[in-house]
Protein backbone atom coordinates (compact mmCIF):
# COMPACT_ATOMS: atom_id res chain seq x y z
CA MET A 1 1.86 22.11 0.64
CA ASP A 2 5.11 20.85 -0.52
CA ARG A 3 6.23 17.95 -2.61
CA ALA A 4 7.95 16.47 0.33
CA GLU A 5 4.92 17.49 2.72
CA ALA A 6 2.79 15.59 0.02
CA ILE A 7 5.27 12.39 -0.30
CA THR A 8 5.65 12.10 3.86
CA GLN A 9 1.17 12.16 3.66
CA ILE A 10 1.32 9.60 0.71
CA ARG A 11 3.93 7.33 2.89
CA ALA A 12 1.51 7.71 5.72
CA ALA A 13 -1.54 6.40 3.72
CA CYS A 14 0.24 3.88 2.10
CA LEU A 15 1.17 2.64 5.69
CA GLN A 16 -2.58 2.71 6.79
CA ILE A 17 -3.95 0.96 3.91
CA ALA A 18 -1.20 -1.85 4.53
CA SER A 19 -2.12 -1.90 8.00
CA GLY A 20 -5.88 -2.32 7.41
CA VAL A 21 -4.74 -5.37 4.74
CA THR A 22 -2.66 -7.05 7.43
CA ASN A 23 -5.69 -6.62 10.25
CA ILE A 24 -8.44 -8.25 7.53
CA HIS A 25 -6.24 -11.73 6.83
CA PRO A 26 -6.95 -12.97 10.67
CA LEU A 27 -10.34 -12.26 10.16
CA LEU A 28 -11.03 -14.62 7.13
CA PRO A 29 -11.08 -17.91 8.69
CA ALA A 30 -14.24 -16.46 10.41
CA LEU A 31 -16.16 -16.36 7.43
CA ALA A 32 -16.30 -20.10 6.83
CA ASP A 33 -16.90 -19.88 3.07
CA GLU A 34 -13.53 -20.94 1.09
CA PRO A 35 -14.84 -19.50 -2.09
CA THR A 36 -15.69 -15.85 -0.63
CA LYS A 37 -12.03 -15.89 1.70
CA ALA A 38 -10.24 -16.92 -1.70
CA GLU A 39 -11.88 -13.90 -3.06
CA ILE A 40 -10.63 -11.50 -0.67
CA VAL A 41 -7.28 -12.74 -0.61
CA LYS A 42 -6.93 -12.38 -4.18
CA ALA A 43 -8.20 -8.84 -4.02
CA LEU A 44 -6.50 -7.88 -0.68
CA PHE A 45 -3.83 -9.08 -2.66
CA GLU A 46 -3.78 -6.59 -5.75
CA LEU A 47 -4.44 -3.87 -2.94
CA THR A 48 -1.25 -5.03 -1.72
CA LYS A 49 0.35 -5.10 -5.40
CA ASN A 50 -0.88 -1.38 -5.91
CA VAL A 51 0.55 0.15 -2.84
CA GLU A 52 3.94 -1.14 -3.71
CA VAL A 53 3.32 0.62 -6.92
CA VAL A 54 2.62 3.87 -5.33
CA LYS A 55 5.37 3.31 -2.89
CA LYS A 56 7.80 2.88 -5.40
CA GLN A 57 6.89 5.76 -7.81
CA VAL A 58 7.15 7.75 -4.62
CA MET A 59 11.06 6.61 -3.83
CA ARG A 60 11.69 7.29 -7.46
CA LEU A 61 10.65 10.75 -7.41
CA GLU A 62 12.42 11.24 -4.20
CA LYS A 63 15.76 9.75 -5.93
CA ARG A 64 15.24 11.65 -9.34
CA ASP A 65 14.81 15.11 -7.26
CA ASP A 66 18.13 14.00 -5.07
CA SER A 67 19.74 13.16 -8.29
CA SER A 68 19.04 16.53 -9.70
CA LEU A 69 20.55 18.45 -6.28
CA THR A 70 23.79 16.95 -6.95
């Protein structure tokens, strides 16, 4: 596997994780427990934040690759 393929697969995985997090949000009211919902929302926020870090690092790597080619 080369770097471009790895980047493509990492982006796809990030999209899947983000989609999963988004799918959880509408389910939370059915839990009918505010403390539990609050903790889950905090955890989902942290997941989202960390996925964004991964995406940003991949984007930086791509930009660094592009700049070294010119």
